[in-house]
């Protein structure tokens, strides 16, 4: 138990927390750019007259198949 606490204390130093913080910021910026690029295509992708209609989606993905009870 003491070894685990020493390990946690060792990796909790500031020098080990900078990398994950920068990675989180980078991934967030990539996600934001992806959403902004596709913002104007949202009606084409997600409307009833879009790429996949609501009826077609319901036929492909039968909601009864996803009931877990």
Protein backbone atom coordinates (compact mmCIF):
# COMPACT_ATOMS: atom_id res chain seq x y z
CA UNK A 1 0.00 0.00 0.00
CA UNK A 2 2.85 2.35 0.76
CA UNK A 3 4.43 1.70 -2.63
CA UNK A 4 1.18 2.63 -4.35
CA UNK A 5 0.95 5.88 -2.38
CA UNK A 6 4.56 6.72 -3.28
CA UNK A 7 3.83 6.04 -6.95
CA UNK A 8 0.70 8.23 -6.88
CA UNK A 9 2.63 11.02 -5.18
CA UNK A 10 5.43 10.69 -7.76
CA UNK A 11 3.16 10.95 -10.82
CA UNK A 12 1.08 13.75 -9.26
CA UNK A 13 3.92 16.23 -9.60
CA UNK A 14 3.33 19.23 -11.82
CA UNK A 15 5.73 18.04 -14.51
CA UNK A 16 3.58 14.97 -15.13
CA UNK A 17 0.33 16.94 -15.31
CA UNK A 18 1.38 19.36 -18.06
CA UNK A 19 1.37 16.72 -20.84
CA UNK A 20 -2.18 15.47 -20.27
CA UNK A 21 -3.40 19.06 -19.98
CA UNK A 22 -1.86 19.98 -23.33
CA UNK A 23 -3.25 16.80 -24.90
CA UNK A 24 -6.73 17.63 -23.57
CA UNK A 25 -6.51 21.15 -25.01
CA UNK A 26 -5.31 19.80 -28.37
CA UNK A 27 -8.05 17.19 -28.62
CA UNK A 28 -10.63 19.82 -27.68
CA UNK A 29 -9.39 22.13 -30.43
CA UNK A 30 -9.55 19.30 -32.98
CA UNK A 31 -13.13 18.49 -31.92
CA UNK A 32 -14.14 22.15 -32.09
CA UNK A 33 -12.70 22.54 -35.59
CA UNK A 34 -14.52 19.38 -36.72
CA UNK A 35 -17.85 20.69 -35.42
CA UNK A 36 -17.31 24.14 -36.96
CA UNK A 37 -16.43 22.66 -40.35
CA UNK A 38 -19.61 20.55 -40.42
CA UNK A 39 -21.91 23.18 -38.90
CA UNK A 40 -23.30 24.29 -42.26
CA UNK A 41 -23.88 20.70 -43.36
CA UNK A 42 -26.11 19.87 -40.39
CA UNK A 43 -29.38 20.24 -42.34
CA UNK A 44 -28.10 17.97 -45.10
CA UNK A 45 -26.93 15.36 -42.63
CA UNK A 46 -29.61 15.41 -39.93
CA UNK A 47 -32.92 16.63 -41.42
CA UNK A 48 -35.82 14.55 -42.75
CA UNK A 49 -34.90 15.55 -46.31
CA UNK A 50 -31.24 14.91 -45.66
CA UNK A 51 -28.83 12.14 -46.45
CA UNK A 52 -30.72 9.52 -44.43
CA UNK A 53 -34.43 10.11 -43.86
CA UNK A 54 -36.06 9.40 -40.52
CA UNK A 55 -38.07 6.47 -41.90
CA UNK A 56 -34.97 4.87 -43.39
CA UNK A 57 -33.10 5.32 -40.11
CA UNK A 58 -35.93 3.68 -38.15
CA UNK A 59 -36.03 0.76 -40.61
CA UNK A 60 -32.29 0.19 -40.37
CA UNK A 61 -31.94 0.69 -36.62
CA UNK A 62 -34.98 -1.00 -35.16
CA UNK A 63 -35.47 0.50 -31.67
CA UNK A 64 -36.85 -2.80 -30.38
CA UNK A 65 -33.45 -4.41 -30.88
CA UNK A 66 -31.83 -2.04 -28.39
CA UNK A 67 -34.12 -2.70 -25.42
CA UNK A 68 -32.01 -4.24 -22.68
CA UNK A 69 -34.80 -5.30 -20.34
